């Protein structure tokens, strides 16, 4: 075995290890806080910017962040890239879009962490913050309720999911991470009144 071959093998192994390490870096999180104006997130552009700002503050750069939100003209599932996605602790959330929207996804209270790796309050905690804004159907396509495409903070409604997979009933919607029920309104107070806080999911699309 020649020295050249050994050097090449070592470089290749190092590259594979580096790639694997990079693959496990954070590419999914729940926002630790919303912009503060209820479901008025400044539209998709404002929501994406909020994701990027939180990720940057947490020390994660070089990624294109997309909010998992649907609108009249865009489906959440089409915004977030192809996967796989990992949380701040390296736990895999899903391999791809199909797995994310199936029983194979790993989103739970234990894995649905914020950008700093902290657990997000769920049902039974004070305050409950498990209502995550999505505006989506279970398959990630747009639902009717999106608080005017994420520009309203008063009347209206938005579909939310439960990141902790717990609700008032033992049924599929209550356990859905992305499509549990409509919010009571679009204001911060209305969102908090039904167990939310204006939080949403962020995915790295690259």
Protein backbone atom coordinates (compact mmCIF):
# COMPACT_ATOMS: atom_id res chain seq x y z
CA UNK A 1 0.00 0.00 0.00
CA UNK A 2 1.60 3.24 -1.15
CA UNK A 3 1.95 6.37 0.90
CA UNK A 4 -0.10 8.27 -1.71
CA UNK A 5 -2.94 5.79 -1.33
CA UNK A 6 -2.87 6.08 2.45
CA UNK A 7 -2.97 9.87 2.31
CA UNK A 8 -5.88 9.81 -0.14
CA UNK A 9 -7.78 7.32 2.03
CA UNK A 10 -7.23 9.47 5.11
CA UNK A 11 -8.44 12.59 3.32
CA UNK A 12 -11.52 10.76 2.07
CA UNK A 13 -12.32 9.44 5.54
CA UNK A 14 -11.89 12.90 7.01
CA UNK A 15 -14.22 14.35 4.41
CA UNK A 16 -16.87 11.73 5.13
CA UNK A 17 -16.64 12.38 8.86
CA UNK A 18 -16.90 16.13 8.31
CA UNK A 19 -19.92 15.66 6.06
CA UNK A 20 -21.63 13.44 8.61
CA UNK A 21 -20.98 15.96 11.38
CA UNK A 22 -22.40 18.76 9.25
CA UNK A 23 -25.47 16.66 8.40
CA UNK A 24 -26.28 16.41 12.10
CA UNK A 25 -26.12 20.15 12.77
CA UNK A 26 -29.34 21.97 13.60
CA UNK A 27 -31.74 22.22 10.69
CA UNK A 28 -35.05 22.29 12.56
CA UNK A 29 -36.37 24.18 15.55
CA UNK A 30 -39.43 25.75 17.10
CA UNK A 31 -39.11 29.47 17.61
CA UNK A 32 -38.44 30.34 21.24
CA UNK A 33 -40.68 33.37 20.74
CA UNK A 34 -42.76 34.84 17.96
CA UNK A 35 -42.33 38.39 16.68
CA UNK A 36 -44.84 39.46 19.35
CA UNK A 37 -47.76 40.58 17.21
CA UNK A 38 -49.83 37.42 17.30
CA UNK A 39 -50.17 35.71 13.95
CA UNK A 40 -49.07 38.84 12.10
CA UNK A 41 -45.60 37.60 11.24
CA UNK A 42 -45.00 40.01 8.40
CA UNK A 43 -46.10 37.36 5.92
CA UNK A 44 -43.84 34.52 4.87
CA UNK A 45 -40.94 36.90 4.32
CA UNK A 46 -41.13 38.18 7.89
CA UNK A 47 -41.49 34.67 9.31
CA UNK A 48 -38.48 33.40 7.34
CA UNK A 49 -36.43 36.37 8.54
CA UNK A 50 -37.44 35.63 12.13
CA UNK A 51 -36.23 32.03 11.74
CA UNK A 52 -32.92 33.23 10.34
CA UNK A 53 -32.45 35.81 13.10
CA UNK A 54 -33.07 33.28 15.87
CA UNK A 55 -30.75 30.71 14.27
CA UNK A 56 -28.00 33.32 13.85
CA UNK A 57 -28.34 34.37 17.50
CA UNK A 58 -28.00 30.70 18.47
CA UNK A 59 -24.73 30.47 16.53
CA UNK A 60 -26.01 28.66 13.42
CA UNK A 61 -25.10 30.41 10.16
CA UNK A 62 -24.81 29.55 6.49
CA UNK A 63 -28.29 28.05 6.18
CA UNK A 64 -31.42 29.16 4.37
CA UNK A 65 -34.27 29.06 6.87
CA UNK A 66 -37.92 28.70 5.97
CA UNK A 67 -40.92 28.92 8.27
CA UNK A 68 -43.24 25.93 8.08
CA UNK A 69 -46.29 28.00 7.15
CA UNK A 70 -48.85 27.72 4.37
CA UNK A 71 -50.61 30.58 2.58
CA UNK A 72 -53.20 30.90 -0.17
CA UNK A 73 -50.42 30.61 -2.72
CA UNK A 74 -47.87 28.31 -1.10
CA UNK A 75 -47.81 25.01 0.79
CA UNK A 76 -45.63 24.64 3.86
CA UNK A 77 -44.34 21.27 2.63
CA UNK A 78 -42.97 22.89 -0.54
CA UNK A 79 -40.97 25.56 1.32
CA UNK A 80 -38.63 23.56 3.52
CA UNK A 81 -36.24 21.71 1.23
CA UNK A 82 -35.76 17.97 0.99
CA UNK A 83 -34.28 17.01 4.39
CA UNK A 84 -33.07 15.32 6.44
CA UNK A 85 -33.60 17.62 9.43
CA UNK A 86 -32.12 17.51 12.93
CA UNK A 87 -32.86 19.46 16.09
CA UNK A 88 -30.33 21.43 18.14
CA UNK A 89 -29.18 18.27 19.92
CA UNK A 90 -28.65 16.30 16.71
CA UNK A 91 -31.80 14.18 16.97
CA UNK A 92 -33.22 13.37 13.55
CA UNK A 93 -36.73 14.74 12.99
CA UNK A 94 -37.33 13.22 9.56
CA UNK A 95 -35.40 12.01 6.53
CA UNK A 96 -37.47 13.80 3.91
CA UNK A 97 -40.77 15.56 3.22
CA UNK A 98 -42.71 12.30 2.88
CA UNK A 99 -41.42 11.00 6.22
CA UNK A 100 -42.13 14.34 7.90
CA UNK A 101 -45.79 14.05 6.91
CA UNK A 102 -46.13 10.44 8.03
CA UNK A 103 -46.03 8.50 11.28
CA UNK A 104 -42.26 8.19 10.72
CA UNK A 105 -41.55 11.75 11.89
CA UNK A 106 -40.00 12.15 15.33
CA UNK A 107 -41.49 15.47 16.44
CA UNK A 108 -42.47 15.34 20.12
CA UNK A 109 -42.12 17.44 23.24
CA UNK A 110 -38.71 15.85 23.80
CA UNK A 111 -37.43 16.58 20.27
CA UNK A 112 -39.41 19.69 19.31
CA UNK A 113 -36.78 22.00 20.77
CA UNK A 114 -36.19 25.70 20.26
CA UNK A 115 -33.11 27.15 18.55
CA UNK A 116 -31.08 26.95 21.76
CA UNK A 117 -31.99 23.33 22.44
CA UNK A 118 -34.56 24.13 25.12
CA UNK A 119 -37.82 22.24 25.59
CA UNK A 120 -40.95 24.16 24.58
CA UNK A 121 -43.80 24.09 27.10
CA UNK A 122 -46.59 21.68 26.30
CA UNK A 123 -49.93 20.66 27.72
CA UNK A 124 -49.69 20.45 31.52
CA UNK A 125 -46.97 23.13 31.72
CA UNK A 126 -47.56 26.74 32.73
CA UNK A 127 -48.02 28.45 30.43
CA UNK A 128 -49.00 25.92 27.77
CA UNK A 129 -47.35 26.87 24.45
CA UNK A 130 -48.03 23.76 22.37
CA UNK A 131 -50.17 25.42 19.67
CA UNK A 132 -47.68 25.91 16.83
CA UNK A 133 -48.82 28.06 13.89
CA UNK A 134 -48.87 26.22 10.53
CA UNK A 135 -51.98 27.11 8.51
CA UNK A 136 -51.70 23.61 7.10
CA UNK A 137 -53.53 20.36 6.53
CA UNK A 138 -51.94 17.13 7.81
CA UNK A 139 -50.19 16.60 4.46
CA UNK A 140 -48.58 20.05 4.60
CA UNK A 141 -50.85 21.70 2.04
CA UNK A 142 -52.58 25.01 2.72
CA UNK A 143 -55.63 25.12 4.96
CA UNK A 144 -58.19 27.91 4.79
CA UNK A 145 -57.24 29.50 8.12
CA UNK A 146 -53.93 31.42 7.95
CA UNK A 147 -54.75 34.75 9.65
CA UNK A 148 -54.77 36.48 6.26
CA UNK A 149 -51.56 34.84 5.15
CA UNK A 150 -49.79 35.73 8.40
CA UNK A 151 -50.54 39.45 8.26
CA UNK A 152 -53.48 39.66 10.73
CA UNK A 153 -53.35 40.19 14.49
CA UNK A 154 -57.03 40.67 15.24
CA UNK A 155 -60.04 38.80 13.95
CA UNK A 156 -59.62 35.55 12.06
CA UNK A 157 -58.07 32.18 12.72
CA UNK A 158 -55.09 30.01 11.90
CA UNK A 159 -54.63 26.25 11.94
CA UNK A 160 -52.16 25.13 14.61
CA UNK A 161 -50.44 21.84 15.43
CA UNK A 162 -49.41 20.32 18.77
CA UNK A 163 -45.66 19.78 19.00
CA UNK A 164 -46.17 17.65 22.13
CA UNK A 165 -48.74 15.47 20.30
CA UNK A 166 -51.28 15.89 23.13
CA UNK A 167 -54.75 17.45 23.00
CA UNK A 168 -58.15 17.35 24.64
CA UNK A 169 -59.08 14.06 22.94
CA UNK A 170 -57.40 10.80 22.00
CA UNK A 171 -57.72 11.35 18.28
CA UNK A 172 -55.51 12.06 15.28
CA UNK A 173 -56.00 15.85 15.17
CA UNK A 174 -55.16 16.22 18.88
CA UNK A 175 -51.93 14.29 18.27
CA UNK A 176 -51.02 16.09 15.05
CA UNK A 177 -47.84 18.16 15.01
CA UNK A 178 -49.09 20.37 12.17
CA UNK A 179 -52.90 20.33 11.93
CA UNK A 180 -54.81 20.08 15.21
CA UNK A 181 -57.42 22.87 15.28
CA UNK A 182 -58.05 26.53 14.40
CA UNK A 183 -56.96 29.22 16.82
CA UNK A 184 -59.49 31.37 18.66
CA UNK A 185 -58.22 34.47 16.85
CA UNK A 186 -55.09 36.04 15.42
CA UNK A 187 -54.03 38.32 18.27
CA UNK A 188 -51.32 37.38 20.75
CA UNK A 189 -53.96 37.18 23.49
CA UNK A 190 -56.20 34.92 21.41
CA UNK A 191 -53.32 32.60 20.57
CA UNK A 192 -52.29 32.39 24.22
CA UNK A 193 -55.91 31.74 25.20
CA UNK A 194 -55.97 28.44 23.29
CA UNK A 195 -52.57 27.16 24.43
CA UNK A 196 -50.19 28.94 22.09
CA UNK A 197 -47.80 31.87 21.97
CA UNK A 198 -47.34 32.72 18.30
CA UNK A 199 -44.59 30.12 17.83
CA UNK A 200 -43.85 28.30 14.56
CA UNK A 201 -41.54 25.67 13.09
CA UNK A 202 -38.36 26.59 11.21
CA UNK A 203 -36.58 24.25 8.76
CA UNK A 204 -33.29 24.67 6.91
CA UNK A 205 -34.05 24.34 3.21
CA UNK A 206 -30.44 23.68 2.16
